[in-house]
């Protein structure tokens, strides 16, 4: 396929751009996204990291000593793509990012996620409690003299960068993505989304670090 210029290159699916960059020297210096796209996507990445890392957004953006290492949830990369950042708002990426939906959360039987988001009637108490299987600095440790051990309880509406969705909720996330892509009036088809997941590394994409394959 002949690409006339970088504008046409930018309009290609991301997986195709990556393939061309690593296969042909002509494209090695081509941008993978416009400056406007990069700015908007970067803002969303910071907001997602702010949610999971409990770090103020301004600090993440402006403090050169702060990195995303202890705030970015790596499991988000199982379903996120650069193009998805254009189509979904930040709240969507954080919707399931709580302890309630995490593999490491233990302590009560899981209920449907809609119950978690339901508005609690006035004067009604819903007994939520859970224990994180990871011992985190952020967890509230309570001494239990009766059992002679510490129990590490977390609020189900808490979140952290170690978040890993349970298989059930991961499947719900994937179905949600597929349904929304089917509804959106865009050129981002489910096939391209799947190819992007398989071929586009989020950070290599942002830093344009794809190297050409030598044959």
C-alpha atoms as a PDB file:
ATOM      1  CA  UNK A   1       0.000   0.000   0.000  1.00  0.00           C
ATOM      2  CA  UNK A   2       1.401   3.401  -0.982  1.00  0.00           C
ATOM      3  CA  UNK A   3       1.097   6.217   1.556  1.00  0.00           C
ATOM      4  CA  UNK A   4       1.289   9.625  -0.114  1.00  0.00           C
ATOM      5  CA  UNK A   5       2.156  11.615   2.988  1.00  0.00           C
ATOM      6  CA  UNK A   6       1.985  11.699   6.750  1.00  0.00           C
ATOM      7  CA  UNK A   7      -1.609  12.975   6.775  1.00  0.00           C
ATOM      8  CA  UNK A   8      -2.793   9.805   5.083  1.00  0.00           C
ATOM      9  CA  UNK A   9      -0.583   7.799   7.429  1.00  0.00           C
ATOM     10  CA  UNK A  10      -2.283   9.366  10.470  1.00  0.00           C
ATOM     11  CA  UNK A  11      -5.694   8.303   9.162  1.00  0.00           C
ATOM     12  CA  UNK A  12      -4.728   4.623   9.124  1.00  0.00           C
ATOM     13  CA  UNK A  13      -5.709   2.273  11.971  1.00  0.00           C
ATOM     14  CA  UNK A  14      -3.117   2.295  14.761  1.00  0.00           C
ATOM     15  CA  UNK A  15      -2.142  -1.350  14.280  1.00  0.00           C
ATOM     16  CA  UNK A  16      -1.479  -0.644  10.607  1.00  0.00           C
ATOM     17  CA  UNK A  17       0.663   2.393  11.407  1.00  0.00           C
ATOM     18  CA  UNK A  18       2.736   0.336  13.829  1.00  0.00           C
ATOM     19  CA  UNK A  19       3.183  -2.404  11.233  1.00  0.00           C
ATOM     20  CA  UNK A  20       4.385   0.098   8.623  1.00  0.00           C
ATOM     21  CA  UNK A  21       6.771   1.822  11.045  1.00  0.00           C
ATOM     22  CA  UNK A  22       8.516  -1.391  12.050  1.00  0.00           C
ATOM     23  CA  UNK A  23       8.558  -2.801   8.512  1.00  0.00           C
ATOM     24  CA  UNK A  24       9.610   0.123   6.316  1.00  0.00           C
ATOM     25  CA  UNK A  25      12.245   2.760   6.997  1.00  0.00           C
ATOM     26  CA  UNK A  26      10.177   5.379   5.174  1.00  0.00           C
ATOM     27  CA  UNK A  27       7.732   5.598   8.076  1.00  0.00           C
ATOM     28  CA  UNK A  28      10.097   5.401  11.033  1.00  0.00           C
ATOM     29  CA  UNK A  29       9.915   9.147  11.771  1.00  0.00           C
ATOM     30  CA  UNK A  30       6.223   9.576  11.050  1.00  0.00           C
ATOM     31  CA  UNK A  31       4.049  10.664  13.960  1.00  0.00           C
ATOM     32  CA  UNK A  32       1.520   8.146  15.250  1.00  0.00           C
ATOM     33  CA  UNK A  33      -0.954  10.843  16.309  1.00  0.00           C
ATOM     34  CA  UNK A  34      -1.536  14.549  15.971  1.00  0.00           C
ATOM     35  CA  UNK A  35      -0.448  16.992  18.671  1.00  0.00           C
ATOM     36  CA  UNK A  36      -4.085  17.578  19.580  1.00  0.00           C
ATOM     37  CA  UNK A  37      -4.725  13.853  19.939  1.00  0.00           C
ATOM     38  CA  UNK A  38      -1.601  13.438  22.048  1.00  0.00           C
ATOM     39  CA  UNK A  39      -2.615  16.250  24.402  1.00  0.00           C
ATOM     40  CA  UNK A  40      -6.178  14.961  24.880  1.00  0.00           C
ATOM     41  CA  UNK A  41      -5.103  11.367  25.375  1.00  0.00           C
ATOM     42  CA  UNK A  42      -2.333  12.323  27.778  1.00  0.00           C
ATOM     43  CA  UNK A  43      -4.833  14.280  29.891  1.00  0.00           C
ATOM     44  CA  UNK A  44      -7.045  11.209  30.151  1.00  0.00           C
ATOM     45  CA  UNK A  45      -4.104   8.998  31.088  1.00  0.00           C
ATOM     46  CA  UNK A  46      -3.207  11.402  33.908  1.00  0.00           C
ATOM     47  CA  UNK A  47      -6.819  11.450  35.109  1.00  0.00           C
ATOM     48  CA  UNK A  48      -7.009   7.651  35.124  1.00  0.00           C
ATOM     49  CA  UNK A  49      -3.727   7.450  37.038  1.00  0.00           C
ATOM     50  CA  UNK A  50      -4.980  10.086  39.470  1.00  0.00           C
ATOM     51  CA  UNK A  51      -8.031   7.944  40.256  1.00  0.00           C
ATOM     52  CA  UNK A  52      -6.149   4.695  40.831  1.00  0.00           C
ATOM     53  CA  UNK A  53      -3.079   6.230  42.455  1.00  0.00           C
ATOM     54  CA  UNK A  54      -4.911   8.732  44.695  1.00  0.00           C
ATOM     55  CA  UNK A  55      -2.557  11.442  43.508  1.00  0.00           C
ATOM     56  CA  UNK A  56      -3.695  14.984  42.804  1.00  0.00           C
ATOM     57  CA  UNK A  57      -3.977  15.560  39.067  1.00  0.00           C
ATOM     58  CA  UNK A  58      -1.964  18.800  39.166  1.00  0.00           C
ATOM     59  CA  UNK A  59       0.882  17.032  40.973  1.00  0.00           C
ATOM     60  CA  UNK A  60       0.978  14.236  38.406  1.00  0.00           C
ATOM     61  CA  UNK A  61       1.089  16.729  35.575  1.00  0.00           C
ATOM     62  CA  UNK A  62       3.442  19.330  36.975  1.00  0.00           C
ATOM     63  CA  UNK A  63       5.838  17.696  39.441  1.00  0.00           C
ATOM     64  CA  UNK A  64       8.835  16.372  37.524  1.00  0.00           C
ATOM     65  CA  UNK A  65       9.727  14.093  40.458  1.00  0.00           C
ATOM     66  CA  UNK A  66       6.394  12.262  40.293  1.00  0.00           C
ATOM     67  CA  UNK A  67       6.002   9.384  37.833  1.00  0.00           C
ATOM     68  CA  UNK A  68       3.103   7.092  36.976  1.00  0.00           C
ATOM     69  CA  UNK A  69       4.909   4.063  38.413  1.00  0.00           C
ATOM     70  CA  UNK A  70       2.828   3.917  41.598  1.00  0.00           C
ATOM     71  CA  UNK A  71      -0.404   5.232  40.184  1.00  0.00           C
ATOM     72  CA  UNK A  72      -0.979   3.768  36.720  1.00  0.00           C
ATOM     73  CA  UNK A  73      -3.024   0.514  36.847  1.00  0.00           C
ATOM     74  CA  UNK A  74      -1.230  -1.848  34.463  1.00  0.00           C
ATOM     75  CA  UNK A  75      -4.269  -4.119  34.194  1.00  0.00           C
ATOM     76  CA  UNK A  76      -6.108  -1.329  32.375  1.00  0.00           C
ATOM     77  CA  UNK A  77      -3.781  -2.073  29.470  1.00  0.00           C
ATOM     78  CA  UNK A  78      -5.642  -5.376  28.974  1.00  0.00           C
ATOM     79  CA  UNK A  79      -8.516  -3.462  27.405  1.00  0.00           C
ATOM     80  CA  UNK A  80      -7.380   0.093  26.693  1.00  0.00           C
ATOM     81  CA  UNK A  81      -6.134   1.374  23.335  1.00  0.00           C
ATOM     82  CA  UNK A  82      -5.132   4.891  22.223  1.00  0.00           C
ATOM     83  CA  UNK A  83      -8.242   5.150  20.058  1.00  0.00           C
ATOM     84  CA  UNK A  84     -10.457   4.093  22.953  1.00  0.00           C
ATOM     85  CA  UNK A  85      -9.169   7.163  24.830  1.00  0.00           C
ATOM     86  CA  UNK A  86     -10.801   9.284  22.126  1.00  0.00           C
ATOM     87  CA  UNK A  87     -14.190   7.601  22.360  1.00  0.00           C
ATOM     88  CA  UNK A  88     -14.661   6.921  26.090  1.00  0.00           C
ATOM     89  CA  UNK A  89     -14.674   9.484  28.871  1.00  0.00           C
ATOM     90  CA  UNK A  90     -12.369   9.192  31.867  1.00  0.00           C
ATOM     91  CA  UNK A  91     -15.134   8.127  34.247  1.00  0.00           C
ATOM     92  CA  UNK A  92     -15.790   5.065  32.138  1.00  0.00           C
ATOM     93  CA  UNK A  93     -12.214   3.831  32.584  1.00  0.00           C
ATOM     94  CA  UNK A  94     -12.561   4.297  36.342  1.00  0.00           C
ATOM     95  CA  UNK A  95     -16.087   2.903  36.679  1.00  0.00           C
ATOM     96  CA  UNK A  96     -14.960  -0.612  37.575  1.00  0.00           C
ATOM     97  CA  UNK A  97     -11.706   0.486  39.174  1.00  0.00           C
ATOM     98  CA  UNK A  98     -12.672  -0.157  42.776  1.00  0.00           C
ATOM     99  CA  UNK A  99     -11.830  -2.883  45.276  1.00  0.00           C
ATOM    100  CA  UNK A 100     -15.315  -4.340  44.881  1.00  0.00           C
ATOM    101  CA  UNK A 101     -14.437  -5.506  41.358  1.00  0.00           C
ATOM    102  CA  UNK A 102     -10.871  -6.613  42.124  1.00  0.00           C
ATOM    103  CA  UNK A 103      -9.449 -10.130  42.345  1.00  0.00           C
ATOM    104  CA  UNK A 104      -7.605  -9.171  45.503  1.00  0.00           C
ATOM    105  CA  UNK A 105     -10.728  -8.089  47.367  1.00  0.00           C
ATOM    106  CA  UNK A 106     -12.093 -10.736  49.697  1.00  0.00           C
ATOM    107  CA  UNK A 107     -14.593 -10.915  52.508  1.00  0.00           C
ATOM    108  CA  UNK A 108     -18.136 -11.219  51.192  1.00  0.00           C
ATOM    109  CA  UNK A 109     -20.093 -12.725  48.336  1.00  0.00           C
ATOM    110  CA  UNK A 110     -20.008 -10.674  45.162  1.00  0.00           C
ATOM    111  CA  UNK A 111     -23.199  -9.073  43.946  1.00  0.00           C
ATOM    112  CA  UNK A 112     -24.180  -7.617  40.605  1.00  0.00           C
ATOM    113  CA  UNK A 113     -22.210  -4.484  39.759  1.00  0.00           C
ATOM    114  CA  UNK A 114     -25.433  -2.489  39.330  1.00  0.00           C
ATOM    115  CA  UNK A 115     -26.060  -2.912  43.049  1.00  0.00           C
ATOM    116  CA  UNK A 116     -22.709  -1.303  43.748  1.00  0.00           C
ATOM    117  CA  UNK A 117     -23.694   1.817  41.797  1.00  0.00           C
ATOM    118  CA  UNK A 118     -27.278   1.914  43.051  1.00  0.00           C
ATOM    119  CA  UNK A 119     -28.355   4.829  45.198  1.00  0.00           C
ATOM    120  CA  UNK A 120     -28.759   3.663  48.780  1.00  0.00           C
ATOM    121  CA  UNK A 121     -32.208   4.545  50.190  1.00  0.00           C
ATOM    122  CA  UNK A 122     -32.228   7.030  53.034  1.00  0.00           C
ATOM    123  CA  UNK A 123     -31.685   5.552  56.493  1.00  0.00           C
ATOM    124  CA  UNK A 124     -30.746   2.180  55.030  1.00  0.00           C
ATOM    125  CA  UNK A 125     -27.376   0.687  55.782  1.00  0.00           C
ATOM    126  CA  UNK A 126     -25.701  -1.700  53.367  1.00  0.00           C
ATOM    127  CA  UNK A 127     -23.109  -3.845  55.167  1.00  0.00           C
ATOM    128  CA  UNK A 128     -19.991  -3.726  53.034  1.00  0.00           C
ATOM    129  CA  UNK A 129     -16.640  -4.901  54.267  1.00  0.00           C
ATOM    130  CA  UNK A 130     -13.733  -6.620  52.652  1.00  0.00           C
ATOM    131  CA  UNK A 131     -10.115  -7.537  53.032  1.00  0.00           C
ATOM    132  CA  UNK A 132      -7.375  -6.913  50.518  1.00  0.00           C
ATOM    133  CA  UNK A 133      -5.277 -10.009  49.865  1.00  0.00           C
ATOM    134  CA  UNK A 134      -2.321  -7.683  49.367  1.00  0.00           C
ATOM    135  CA  UNK A 135      -0.918  -5.927  52.412  1.00  0.00           C
ATOM    136  CA  UNK A 136      -0.954  -2.317  51.245  1.00  0.00           C
ATOM    137  CA  UNK A 137       0.251   0.778  53.039  1.00  0.00           C
ATOM    138  CA  UNK A 138      -3.083   2.363  52.215  1.00  0.00           C
ATOM    139  CA  UNK A 139      -5.170  -0.312  53.913  1.00  0.00           C
ATOM    140  CA  UNK A 140      -6.572   0.274  57.381  1.00  0.00           C
ATOM    141  CA  UNK A 141      -5.021  -2.312  59.694  1.00  0.00           C
ATOM    142  CA  UNK A 142      -7.030  -3.286  62.752  1.00  0.00           C
ATOM    143  CA  UNK A 143      -5.690  -5.357  65.617  1.00  0.00           C
ATOM    144  CA  UNK A 144      -7.972  -8.184  66.591  1.00  0.00           C
ATOM    145  CA  UNK A 145      -7.113  -9.141  70.158  1.00  0.00           C
ATOM    146  CA  UNK A 146      -9.664 -11.942  70.108  1.00  0.00           C
ATOM    147  CA  UNK A 147      -7.849 -13.699  67.284  1.00  0.00           C
ATOM    148  CA  UNK A 148      -4.390 -12.348  67.966  1.00  0.00           C
ATOM    149  CA  UNK A 149      -3.817 -11.152  64.413  1.00  0.00           C
ATOM    150  CA  UNK A 150      -4.176  -8.112  62.190  1.00  0.00           C
ATOM    151  CA  UNK A 151      -7.007  -7.902  59.708  1.00  0.00           C
ATOM    152  CA  UNK A 152      -6.539  -5.557  56.790  1.00  0.00           C
ATOM    153  CA  UNK A 153      -9.875  -4.106  55.786  1.00  0.00           C
ATOM    154  CA  UNK A 154     -10.526  -1.911  52.792  1.00  0.00           C
ATOM    155  CA  UNK A 155     -13.542   0.031  51.673  1.00  0.00           C
ATOM    156  CA  UNK A 156     -15.090  -1.588  48.566  1.00  0.00           C
ATOM    157  CA  UNK A 157     -15.160   1.872  46.964  1.00  0.00           C
ATOM    158  CA  UNK A 158     -11.418   2.223  47.422  1.00  0.00           C
ATOM    159  CA  UNK A 159      -9.063   1.700  44.476  1.00  0.00           C
ATOM    160  CA  UNK A 160      -5.352   1.304  43.882  1.00  0.00           C
ATOM    161  CA  UNK A 161      -2.901   0.812  41.030  1.00  0.00           C
ATOM    162  CA  UNK A 162      -2.700  -2.941  41.779  1.00  0.00           C
ATOM    163  CA  UNK A 163      -6.352  -3.272  40.745  1.00  0.00           C
ATOM    164  CA  UNK A 164      -7.017  -6.425  38.753  1.00  0.00           C
ATOM    165  CA  UNK A 165     -10.619  -7.018  37.668  1.00  0.00           C
ATOM    166  CA  UNK A 166     -12.270 -10.331  38.457  1.00  0.00           C
ATOM    167  CA  UNK A 167     -12.932 -12.413  35.352  1.00  0.00           C
ATOM    168  CA  UNK A 168     -16.670 -11.718  35.544  1.00  0.00           C
ATOM    169  CA  UNK A 169     -16.175  -7.960  35.530  1.00  0.00           C
ATOM    170  CA  UNK A 170     -13.434  -8.136  32.914  1.00  0.00           C
ATOM    171  CA  UNK A 171     -15.946  -9.861  30.641  1.00  0.00           C
ATOM    172  CA  UNK A 172     -18.527  -7.166  31.446  1.00  0.00           C
ATOM    173  CA  UNK A 173     -15.961  -4.500  30.523  1.00  0.00           C
ATOM    174  CA  UNK A 174     -15.206  -6.212  27.211  1.00  0.00           C
ATOM    175  CA  UNK A 175     -18.910  -6.598  26.400  1.00  0.00           C
ATOM    176  CA  UNK A 176     -19.458  -2.951  27.298  1.00  0.00           C
ATOM    177  CA  UNK A 177     -16.682  -1.902  24.919  1.00  0.00           C
ATOM    178  CA  UNK A 178     -18.023  -4.066  22.098  1.00  0.00           C
ATOM    179  CA  UNK A 179     -21.561  -2.712  22.544  1.00  0.00           C
ATOM    180  CA  UNK A 180     -20.421   0.898  22.622  1.00  0.00           C
ATOM    181  CA  UNK A 181     -18.178   0.511  19.565  1.00  0.00           C
ATOM    182  CA  UNK A 182     -21.138  -0.999  17.767  1.00  0.00           C
ATOM    183  CA  UNK A 183     -23.297   1.996  18.748  1.00  0.00           C
ATOM    184  CA  UNK A 184     -20.767   4.742  18.023  1.00  0.00           C
ATOM    185  CA  UNK A 185     -20.911   6.376  14.636  1.00  0.00           C
ATOM    186  CA  UNK A 186     -17.179   6.092  14.074  1.00  0.00           C
ATOM    187  CA  UNK A 187     -14.674   4.241  11.921  1.00  0.00           C
ATOM    188  CA  UNK A 188     -13.274   2.352  14.888  1.00  0.00           C
ATOM    189  CA  UNK A 189     -14.603  -1.131  14.323  1.00  0.00           C
ATOM    190  CA  UNK A 190     -14.338  -4.023  16.760  1.00  0.00           C
ATOM    191  CA  UNK A 191     -11.896  -5.763  14.414  1.00  0.00           C
ATOM    192  CA  UNK A 192      -9.506  -2.781  14.568  1.00  0.00           C
ATOM    193  CA  UNK A 193      -9.917  -2.645  18.351  1.00  0.00           C
ATOM    194  CA  UNK A 194      -8.885  -6.302  18.670  1.00  0.00           C
ATOM    195  CA  UNK A 195      -5.913  -5.780  16.319  1.00  0.00           C
ATOM    196  CA  UNK A 196      -4.845  -2.764  18.376  1.00  0.00           C
ATOM    197  CA  UNK A 197      -4.923  -4.789  21.600  1.00  0.00           C
ATOM    198  CA  UNK A 198      -2.722  -7.407  19.972  1.00  0.00           C
ATOM    199  CA  UNK A 199      -0.233  -5.115  18.234  1.00  0.00           C
ATOM    200  CA  UNK A 200      -0.141  -1.679  19.875  1.00  0.00           C
ATOM    201  CA  UNK A 201       1.850  -1.204  23.060  1.00  0.00           C
ATOM    202  CA  UNK A 202       0.374   1.860  24.785  1.00  0.00           C
ATOM    203  CA  UNK A 203       3.688   3.340  25.974  1.00  0.00           C
ATOM    204  CA  UNK A 204       5.687   2.552  22.836  1.00  0.00           C
ATOM    205  CA  UNK A 205       2.883   4.235  20.958  1.00  0.00           C
ATOM    206  CA  UNK A 206       2.988   7.404  23.056  1.00  0.00           C
ATOM    207  CA  UNK A 207       6.763   7.670  22.961  1.00  0.00           C
ATOM    208  CA  UNK A 208       6.966   6.596  19.306  1.00  0.00           C
ATOM    209  CA  UNK A 209       9.540   3.943  20.165  1.00  0.00           C
ATOM    210  CA  UNK A 210       8.768   1.293  17.598  1.00  0.00           C
ATOM    211  CA  UNK A 211      11.995   0.137  15.976  1.00  0.00           C
ATOM    212  CA  UNK A 212      12.264  -1.107  12.435  1.00  0.00           C
ATOM    213  CA  UNK A 213      12.555  -4.861  11.991  1.00  0.00           C
ATOM    214  CA  UNK A 214      15.779  -5.836  10.271  1.00  0.00           C
ATOM    215  CA  UNK A 215      15.481  -8.737   7.853  1.00  0.00           C
END
